[in-house]
Amino acid sequence: MVTVLSVLTGITVLLDLDKQHTVSAVTVADTIAWTPLSLQIPALCFFVLVLGTGPVSTDLVSGAARTTWLTVNGRAVAYGAKCGVGFTVGAGTAAASALLGAVSCAASLAMAGAPQPNWTEVLAPAARFVVWMGCWALLCLAAVALLGSRIVPVLLLVLWPLLGERITGALLGYIPGLDGVNSWLPFAAGRAMLTDVSAYSADEKPFAQALVGSHLSTPVAATVFCLYTAAITAAGWWAYCRRDAKAR
């Protein structure tokens, strides 16, 4: 399914051809990242969400965690291993998706007789997308460890970026001294990490800025999102090491 959607996503770049029958590297980068501007979070997240929440929820809810802890000699080791595998799977899936999307874009443009964008300018956004997805997998693991449930973490991870964070940011804006704090919320920073608003034209920049919802520069946003991921992953480690598994 991911392969099919990656290829189809690459074809959609033809919808963004301008009057000169060209497409910018910025547009291609957004296409490869599954248009995070319109979805608030990349669509690939919904597939990685299943892979990311499964290892911890299966252990804790089914009671298999005790066997895991005995096998690897400790809860901390088990959690670290799950994080390593989760990050690798998330980043690897994103890398494969980005590569397939880029090939699909290039082939679609070639068949349409349109010139290719500057692909070197796509490398940095694609790399940020890969890191973003690796962080997302860690957030999935940590959320399950913290909440100890199968369903609640999934609902939180879907609804918070899409609705909860926007509403929270708007409400915080009414508090004196907290103007602009919405730019520093986790997924606002994450969207700014994925989408370099400064690369847009003057006409497109206001609309892109409104959709991203953060005024942070891309490097700062990437740092903030990674720090949030590290903090939440550490909190998940603390909870995982103290939470008991259900009996079989």
C-alpha atoms as a PDB file:
ATOM      1  CA  MET A   1       0.000   0.000   0.000  1.00  0.00           C
ATOM      2  CA  VAL A   2       2.815   2.407   0.876  1.00  0.00           C
ATOM      3  CA  THR A   3       4.489   1.610  -2.454  1.00  0.00           C
ATOM      4  CA  VAL A   4       1.321   2.281  -4.430  1.00  0.00           C
ATOM      5  CA  LEU A   5       0.607   5.554  -2.638  1.00  0.00           C
ATOM      6  CA  SER A   6       4.222   6.702  -3.014  1.00  0.00           C
ATOM      7  CA  VAL A   7       4.054   6.178  -6.760  1.00  0.00           C
ATOM      8  CA  LEU A   8       0.650   7.852  -7.036  1.00  0.00           C
ATOM      9  CA  THR A   9       1.842  10.779  -4.937  1.00  0.00           C
ATOM     10  CA  GLY A  10       4.714  11.309  -7.334  1.00  0.00           C
ATOM     11  CA  ILE A  11       2.289  11.534 -10.237  1.00  0.00           C
ATOM     12  CA  THR A  12       0.336  14.327  -8.532  1.00  0.00           C
ATOM     13  CA  VAL A  13       3.270  16.681  -9.123  1.00  0.00           C
ATOM     14  CA  LEU A  14       1.808  17.189 -12.611  1.00  0.00           C
ATOM     15  CA  LEU A  15      -1.080  19.071 -11.006  1.00  0.00           C
ATOM     16  CA  ASP A  16       1.382  21.722  -9.803  1.00  0.00           C
ATOM     17  CA  LEU A  17       2.930  22.581 -13.163  1.00  0.00           C
ATOM     18  CA  ASP A  18       2.908  26.341 -13.728  1.00  0.00           C
ATOM     19  CA  LYS A  19       2.245  28.261 -16.948  1.00  0.00           C
ATOM     20  CA  GLN A  20       5.814  27.622 -18.079  1.00  0.00           C
ATOM     21  CA  HIS A  21       5.193  23.900 -17.611  1.00  0.00           C
ATOM     22  CA  THR A  22       7.780  23.733 -14.825  1.00  0.00           C
ATOM     23  CA  VAL A  23       7.661  22.735 -11.165  1.00  0.00           C
ATOM     24  CA  SER A  24       9.823  24.032  -8.329  1.00  0.00           C
ATOM     25  CA  ALA A  25      12.028  21.943  -6.071  1.00  0.00           C
ATOM     26  CA  VAL A  26       9.951  23.163  -3.106  1.00  0.00           C
ATOM     27  CA  THR A  27       6.793  21.698  -4.607  1.00  0.00           C
ATOM     28  CA  VAL A  28       8.525  18.396  -5.321  1.00  0.00           C
ATOM     29  CA  ALA A  29       9.853  18.273  -1.752  1.00  0.00           C
ATOM     30  CA  ASP A  30       6.345  18.783  -0.358  1.00  0.00           C
ATOM     31  CA  THR A  31       5.009  16.109  -2.688  1.00  0.00           C
ATOM     32  CA  ILE A  32       7.641  13.603  -1.564  1.00  0.00           C
ATOM     33  CA  ALA A  33       6.734  14.337   2.058  1.00  0.00           C
ATOM     34  CA  TRP A  34       3.117  13.468   1.272  1.00  0.00           C
ATOM     35  CA  THR A  35       1.921  17.061   1.283  1.00  0.00           C
ATOM     36  CA  PRO A  36       2.182  17.740   5.024  1.00  0.00           C
ATOM     37  CA  LEU A  37       0.782  21.245   4.468  1.00  0.00           C
ATOM     38  CA  SER A  38      -2.674  19.966   3.657  1.00  0.00           C
ATOM     39  CA  LEU A  39      -2.742  17.021   6.057  1.00  0.00           C
ATOM     40  CA  GLN A  40      -1.120  18.685   9.118  1.00  0.00           C
ATOM     41  CA  ILE A  41       0.889  15.473   9.482  1.00  0.00           C
ATOM     42  CA  PRO A  42       2.272  13.347   6.610  1.00  0.00           C
ATOM     43  CA  ALA A  43      -0.078  10.640   5.431  1.00  0.00           C
ATOM     44  CA  LEU A  44       2.674   8.049   5.917  1.00  0.00           C
ATOM     45  CA  CYS A  45       2.218   8.573   9.668  1.00  0.00           C
ATOM     46  CA  PHE A  46      -0.992   6.583   9.634  1.00  0.00           C
ATOM     47  CA  PHE A  47       0.885   3.500   8.407  1.00  0.00           C
ATOM     48  CA  VAL A  48       3.857   3.926  10.748  1.00  0.00           C
ATOM     49  CA  LEU A  49       1.399   4.506  13.606  1.00  0.00           C
ATOM     50  CA  VAL A  50       0.389   0.843  13.469  1.00  0.00           C
ATOM     51  CA  LEU A  51       4.010  -0.330  13.397  1.00  0.00           C
ATOM     52  CA  GLY A  52       5.077   2.144  16.080  1.00  0.00           C
ATOM     53  CA  THR A  53       2.395   1.414  18.678  1.00  0.00           C
ATOM     54  CA  GLY A  54       2.313  -2.349  18.210  1.00  0.00           C
ATOM     55  CA  PRO A  55       5.533  -3.531  19.924  1.00  0.00           C
ATOM     56  CA  VAL A  56       4.849  -1.855  23.288  1.00  0.00           C
ATOM     57  CA  SER A  57       1.068  -2.269  23.358  1.00  0.00           C
ATOM     58  CA  THR A  58       1.329  -5.970  22.512  1.00  0.00           C
ATOM     59  CA  ASP A  59       3.807  -6.529  25.324  1.00  0.00           C
ATOM     60  CA  LEU A  60       1.952  -4.584  27.987  1.00  0.00           C
ATOM     61  CA  VAL A  61      -1.629  -5.499  27.126  1.00  0.00           C
ATOM     62  CA  SER A  62      -1.109  -9.174  26.251  1.00  0.00           C
ATOM     63  CA  GLY A  63       1.221  -9.855  29.166  1.00  0.00           C
ATOM     64  CA  ALA A  64       4.122 -10.908  26.932  1.00  0.00           C
ATOM     65  CA  ALA A  65       6.319  -8.172  28.403  1.00  0.00           C
ATOM     66  CA  ARG A  66       7.474 -10.370  31.269  1.00  0.00           C
ATOM     67  CA  THR A  67       8.933 -12.849  28.805  1.00  0.00           C
ATOM     68  CA  THR A  68      10.583 -10.011  26.902  1.00  0.00           C
ATOM     69  CA  TRP A  69      12.124  -8.539  30.061  1.00  0.00           C
ATOM     70  CA  LEU A  70      13.535 -11.914  31.098  1.00  0.00           C
ATOM     71  CA  THR A  71      14.878 -12.614  27.629  1.00  0.00           C
ATOM     72  CA  VAL A  72      16.782  -9.342  27.211  1.00  0.00           C
ATOM     73  CA  ASN A  73      17.654  -8.974  30.905  1.00  0.00           C
ATOM     74  CA  GLY A  74      15.793  -5.795  31.762  1.00  0.00           C
ATOM     75  CA  ARG A  75      13.034  -3.371  30.925  1.00  0.00           C
ATOM     76  CA  ALA A  76      15.393  -0.545  29.981  1.00  0.00           C
ATOM     77  CA  VAL A  77      17.156  -2.767  27.441  1.00  0.00           C
ATOM     78  CA  ALA A  78      13.805  -3.888  26.017  1.00  0.00           C
ATOM     79  CA  TYR A  79      12.589  -0.299  25.643  1.00  0.00           C
ATOM     80  CA  GLY A  80      15.870   0.813  24.090  1.00  0.00           C
ATOM     81  CA  ALA A  81      15.726  -2.036  21.587  1.00  0.00           C
ATOM     82  CA  LYS A  82      12.139  -1.201  20.678  1.00  0.00           C
ATOM     83  CA  CYS A  83      13.113   2.454  20.182  1.00  0.00           C
ATOM     84  CA  GLY A  84      16.046   1.489  17.972  1.00  0.00           C
ATOM     85  CA  VAL A  85      13.944  -0.793  15.823  1.00  0.00           C
ATOM     86  CA  GLY A  86      11.047   1.683  15.742  1.00  0.00           C
ATOM     87  CA  PHE A  87      13.214   4.593  14.631  1.00  0.00           C
ATOM     88  CA  THR A  88      14.867   2.430  11.983  1.00  0.00           C
ATOM     89  CA  VAL A  89      11.530   1.189  10.644  1.00  0.00           C
ATOM     90  CA  GLY A  90      10.007   4.686  10.608  1.00  0.00           C
ATOM     91  CA  ALA A  91      13.020   6.312   8.978  1.00  0.00           C
ATOM     92  CA  GLY A  92      13.535   3.405   6.590  1.00  0.00           C
ATOM     93  CA  THR A  93       9.901   3.434   5.474  1.00  0.00           C
ATOM     94  CA  ALA A  94      10.114   7.189   4.895  1.00  0.00           C
ATOM     95  CA  ALA A  95      13.379   6.849   2.958  1.00  0.00           C
ATOM     96  CA  ALA A  96      11.885   4.187   0.707  1.00  0.00           C
ATOM     97  CA  SER A  97       8.738   6.277   0.229  1.00  0.00           C
ATOM     98  CA  ALA A  98      10.794   9.391  -0.565  1.00  0.00           C
ATOM     99  CA  LEU A  99      12.892   7.503  -3.101  1.00  0.00           C
ATOM    100  CA  LEU A 100       9.845   5.987  -4.809  1.00  0.00           C
ATOM    101  CA  GLY A 101       8.096   9.359  -4.791  1.00  0.00           C
ATOM    102  CA  ALA A 102      11.126  11.061  -6.332  1.00  0.00           C
ATOM    103  CA  VAL A 103      11.429   8.423  -9.053  1.00  0.00           C
ATOM    104  CA  SER A 104       7.698   8.701  -9.742  1.00  0.00           C
ATOM    105  CA  CYS A 105       7.956  12.510  -9.919  1.00  0.00           C
ATOM    106  CA  ALA A 106      10.922  12.361 -12.278  1.00  0.00           C
ATOM    107  CA  ALA A 107       9.216   9.812 -14.540  1.00  0.00           C
ATOM    108  CA  SER A 108       5.944  11.764 -14.579  1.00  0.00           C
ATOM    109  CA  LEU A 109       7.703  15.003 -15.512  1.00  0.00           C
ATOM    110  CA  ALA A 110       9.723  13.245 -18.201  1.00  0.00           C
ATOM    111  CA  MET A 111       6.615  11.721 -19.774  1.00  0.00           C
ATOM    112  CA  ALA A 112       4.883  15.114 -19.659  1.00  0.00           C
ATOM    113  CA  GLY A 113       7.836  16.749 -21.397  1.00  0.00           C
ATOM    114  CA  ALA A 114       8.415  19.056 -18.412  1.00  0.00           C
ATOM    115  CA  PRO A 115      11.906  19.989 -17.205  1.00  0.00           C
ATOM    116  CA  GLN A 116      13.239  18.368 -14.057  1.00  0.00           C
ATOM    117  CA  PRO A 117      13.608  20.471 -10.884  1.00  0.00           C
ATOM    118  CA  ASN A 118      16.954  20.954  -9.170  1.00  0.00           C
ATOM    119  CA  TRP A 119      17.043  17.628  -7.362  1.00  0.00           C
ATOM    120  CA  THR A 120      19.932  18.680  -5.112  1.00  0.00           C
ATOM    121  CA  GLU A 121      17.522  21.138  -3.476  1.00  0.00           C
ATOM    122  CA  VAL A 122      15.183  18.260  -2.648  1.00  0.00           C
ATOM    123  CA  LEU A 123      17.772  16.281  -0.680  1.00  0.00           C
ATOM    124  CA  ALA A 124      17.649  18.367   2.522  1.00  0.00           C
ATOM    125  CA  PRO A 125      13.808  18.407   2.787  1.00  0.00           C
ATOM    126  CA  ALA A 126      13.748  14.664   2.069  1.00  0.00           C
ATOM    127  CA  ALA A 127      16.340  14.044   4.800  1.00  0.00           C
ATOM    128  CA  ARG A 128      14.282  16.071   7.274  1.00  0.00           C
ATOM    129  CA  PHE A 129      11.236  13.998   6.315  1.00  0.00           C
ATOM    130  CA  VAL A 130      13.140  10.782   7.038  1.00  0.00           C
ATOM    131  CA  VAL A 131      14.245  12.049  10.469  1.00  0.00           C
ATOM    132  CA  TRP A 132      10.691  13.299  11.165  1.00  0.00           C
ATOM    133  CA  MET A 133       9.241   9.864  10.531  1.00  0.00           C
ATOM    134  CA  GLY A 134      11.854   8.225  12.731  1.00  0.00           C
ATOM    135  CA  CYS A 135      10.877  10.630  15.518  1.00  0.00           C
ATOM    136  CA  TRP A 136       7.201   9.867  14.905  1.00  0.00           C
ATOM    137  CA  ALA A 137       7.848   6.164  15.488  1.00  0.00           C
ATOM    138  CA  LEU A 138       9.509   7.033  18.810  1.00  0.00           C
ATOM    139  CA  LEU A 139       6.536   9.187  19.800  1.00  0.00           C
ATOM    140  CA  CYS A 140       4.219   6.267  19.046  1.00  0.00           C
ATOM    141  CA  LEU A 141       6.230   3.949  21.289  1.00  0.00           C
ATOM    142  CA  ALA A 142       6.442   6.502  24.090  1.00  0.00           C
ATOM    143  CA  ALA A 143       2.728   7.331  23.970  1.00  0.00           C
ATOM    144  CA  VAL A 144       1.795   3.683  24.485  1.00  0.00           C
ATOM    145  CA  ALA A 145       4.298   3.311  27.318  1.00  0.00           C
ATOM    146  CA  LEU A 146       2.934   6.412  29.041  1.00  0.00           C
ATOM    147  CA  LEU A 147      -0.751   5.603  28.610  1.00  0.00           C
ATOM    148  CA  GLY A 148      -0.636   1.811  28.811  1.00  0.00           C
ATOM    149  CA  SER A 149      -3.394   1.311  26.276  1.00  0.00           C
ATOM    150  CA  ARG A 150      -3.881   0.285  22.645  1.00  0.00           C
ATOM    151  CA  ILE A 151      -6.631   2.696  21.600  1.00  0.00           C
ATOM    152  CA  VAL A 152      -6.068   5.907  23.585  1.00  0.00           C
ATOM    153  CA  PRO A 153      -2.525   6.566  22.249  1.00  0.00           C
ATOM    154  CA  VAL A 154      -3.729   6.083  18.676  1.00  0.00           C
ATOM    155  CA  LEU A 155      -6.586   8.536  19.155  1.00  0.00           C
ATOM    156  CA  LEU A 156      -4.249  11.029  20.831  1.00  0.00           C
ATOM    157  CA  LEU A 157      -1.620  10.787  18.100  1.00  0.00           C
ATOM    158  CA  VAL A 158      -4.222  11.275  15.381  1.00  0.00           C
ATOM    159  CA  LEU A 159      -6.374  13.973  16.965  1.00  0.00           C
ATOM    160  CA  TRP A 160      -3.738  16.073  18.728  1.00  0.00           C
ATOM    161  CA  PRO A 161      -1.792  17.125  15.584  1.00  0.00           C
ATOM    162  CA  LEU A 162      -4.951  17.533  13.510  1.00  0.00           C
ATOM    163  CA  LEU A 163      -7.186  19.382  15.979  1.00  0.00           C
ATOM    164  CA  GLY A 164      -5.966  19.488  19.557  1.00  0.00           C
ATOM    165  CA  GLU A 165      -2.793  21.421  18.990  1.00  0.00           C
ATOM    166  CA  ARG A 166      -4.475  24.017  16.777  1.00  0.00           C
ATOM    167  CA  ILE A 167      -7.167  24.600  19.401  1.00  0.00           C
ATOM    168  CA  THR A 168      -4.629  24.692  22.234  1.00  0.00           C
ATOM    169  CA  GLY A 169      -2.456  27.168  20.362  1.00  0.00           C
ATOM    170  CA  ALA A 170      -5.423  29.442  19.687  1.00  0.00           C
ATOM    171  CA  LEU A 171      -6.494  29.375  23.343  1.00  0.00           C
ATOM    172  CA  LEU A 172      -2.976  30.069  24.605  1.00  0.00           C
ATOM    173  CA  GLY A 173      -2.871  33.111  22.343  1.00  0.00           C
ATOM    174  CA  TYR A 174      -5.487  34.785  24.518  1.00  0.00           C
ATOM    175  CA  ILE A 175      -3.243  34.587  27.593  1.00  0.00           C
ATOM    176  CA  PRO A 176      -1.077  37.700  28.067  1.00  0.00           C
ATOM    177  CA  GLY A 177       2.593  36.981  27.481  1.00  0.00           C
ATOM    178  CA  LEU A 178       1.968  33.788  25.532  1.00  0.00           C
ATOM    179  CA  ASP A 179       1.561  35.346  22.084  1.00  0.00           C
ATOM    180  CA  GLY A 180       3.428  33.219  19.589  1.00  0.00           C
ATOM    181  CA  VAL A 181       3.738  30.222  21.893  1.00  0.00           C
ATOM    182  CA  ASN A 182       1.773  28.165  19.360  1.00  0.00           C
ATOM    183  CA  SER A 183       4.849  28.256  17.098  1.00  0.00           C
ATOM    184  CA  TRP A 184       6.710  26.220  19.715  1.00  0.00           C
ATOM    185  CA  LEU A 185       4.156  23.437  20.145  1.00  0.00           C
ATOM    186  CA  PRO A 186       5.418  19.992  19.064  1.00  0.00           C
ATOM    187  CA  PHE A 187       3.660  19.469  15.763  1.00  0.00           C
ATOM    188  CA  ALA A 188       3.687  23.132  14.791  1.00  0.00           C
ATOM    189  CA  ALA A 189       7.453  22.858  15.022  1.00  0.00           C
ATOM    190  CA  GLY A 190       7.217  19.529  13.199  1.00  0.00           C
ATOM    191  CA  ARG A 191       5.332  21.091  10.290  1.00  0.00           C
ATOM    192  CA  ALA A 192       7.878  23.925  10.143  1.00  0.00           C
ATOM    193  CA  MET A 193      10.602  21.281  10.096  1.00  0.00           C
ATOM    194  CA  LEU A 194       9.030  19.604   7.079  1.00  0.00           C
ATOM    195  CA  THR A 195       8.116  22.747   5.152  1.00  0.00           C
ATOM    196  CA  ASP A 196      10.578  25.591   4.638  1.00  0.00           C
ATOM    197  CA  VAL A 197       8.164  28.504   4.289  1.00  0.00           C
ATOM    198  CA  SER A 198      11.004  30.901   3.409  1.00  0.00           C
ATOM    199  CA  ALA A 199      11.502  29.014   0.130  1.00  0.00           C
ATOM    200  CA  TYR A 200       8.014  29.930  -1.111  1.00  0.00           C
ATOM    201  CA  SER A 201       7.296  32.883  -3.355  1.00  0.00           C
ATOM    202  CA  ALA A 202       5.950  36.101  -1.832  1.00  0.00           C
ATOM    203  CA  ASP A 203       2.447  35.302  -3.136  1.00  0.00           C
ATOM    204  CA  GLU A 204       2.385  31.776  -1.692  1.00  0.00           C
ATOM    205  CA  LYS A 205       4.192  32.461   1.594  1.00  0.00           C
ATOM    206  CA  PRO A 206       1.224  33.834   3.660  1.00  0.00           C
ATOM    207  CA  PHE A 207      -0.960  30.840   2.815  1.00  0.00           C
ATOM    208  CA  ALA A 208       1.850  28.360   3.519  1.00  0.00           C
ATOM    209  CA  GLN A 209       2.658  30.142   6.787  1.00  0.00           C
ATOM    210  CA  ALA A 210      -0.957  29.912   7.940  1.00  0.00           C
ATOM    211  CA  LEU A 211      -1.108  26.200   7.197  1.00  0.00           C
ATOM    212  CA  VAL A 212       2.183  25.448   8.926  1.00  0.00           C
ATOM    213  CA  GLY A 213       1.145  27.419  11.997  1.00  0.00           C
ATOM    214  CA  SER A 214       4.679  28.202  13.163  1.00  0.00           C
ATOM    215  CA  HIS A 215       7.051  31.084  12.547  1.00  0.00           C
ATOM    216  CA  LEU A 216      10.144  29.081  13.496  1.00  0.00           C
ATOM    217  CA  SER A 217      12.893  28.764  10.914  1.00  0.00           C
ATOM    218  CA  THR A 218      13.449  25.255   9.578  1.00  0.00           C
ATOM    219  CA  PRO A 219      16.683  24.554  11.543  1.00  0.00           C
ATOM    220  CA  VAL A 220      15.165  25.821  14.808  1.00  0.00           C
ATOM    221  CA  ALA A 221      11.945  23.890  14.193  1.00  0.00           C
ATOM    222  CA  ALA A 222      13.901  20.680  13.528  1.00  0.00           C
ATOM    223  CA  THR A 223      15.814  21.146  16.782  1.00  0.00           C
ATOM    224  CA  VAL A 224      12.624  21.826  18.763  1.00  0.00           C
ATOM    225  CA  PHE A 225      10.785  18.820  17.323  1.00  0.00           C
ATOM    226  CA  CYS A 226      13.735  16.498  18.005  1.00  0.00           C
ATOM    227  CA  LEU A 227      14.028  17.819  21.577  1.00  0.00           C
ATOM    228  CA  TYR A 228      10.311  17.188  22.139  1.00  0.00           C
ATOM    229  CA  THR A 229      10.796  13.665  20.793  1.00  0.00           C
ATOM    230  CA  ALA A 230      13.769  13.044  23.084  1.00  0.00           C
ATOM    231  CA  ALA A 231      11.890  14.328  26.143  1.00  0.00           C
ATOM    232  CA  ILE A 232       8.734  12.312  25.440  1.00  0.00           C
ATOM    233  CA  THR A 233      10.769   9.196  24.618  1.00  0.00           C
ATOM    234  CA  ALA A 234      12.610   9.573  27.928  1.00  0.00           C
ATOM    235  CA  ALA A 235       9.282   9.929  29.744  1.00  0.00           C
ATOM    236  CA  GLY A 236       8.109   6.781  27.960  1.00  0.00           C
ATOM    237  CA  TRP A 237      11.239   4.965  29.145  1.00  0.00           C
ATOM    238  CA  TRP A 238      10.505   6.010  32.728  1.00  0.00           C
ATOM    239  CA  ALA A 239       6.899   4.804  32.472  1.00  0.00           C
ATOM    240  CA  TYR A 240       7.823   1.551  30.699  1.00  0.00           C
ATOM    241  CA  CYS A 241      10.382   0.661  33.369  1.00  0.00           C
ATOM    242  CA  ARG A 242       7.760   1.163  36.099  1.00  0.00           C
ATOM    243  CA  ARG A 243       4.618  -0.134  34.431  1.00  0.00           C
ATOM    244  CA  ASP A 244       3.660  -3.737  34.995  1.00  0.00           C
ATOM    245  CA  ALA A 245       2.246  -5.918  32.264  1.00  0.00           C
ATOM    246  CA  LYS A 246      -1.158  -7.480  32.468  1.00  0.00           C
ATOM    247  CA  ALA A 247      -1.350 -11.127  33.398  1.00  0.00           C
ATOM    248  CA  ARG A 248      -1.805 -13.541  30.559  1.00  0.00           C
END
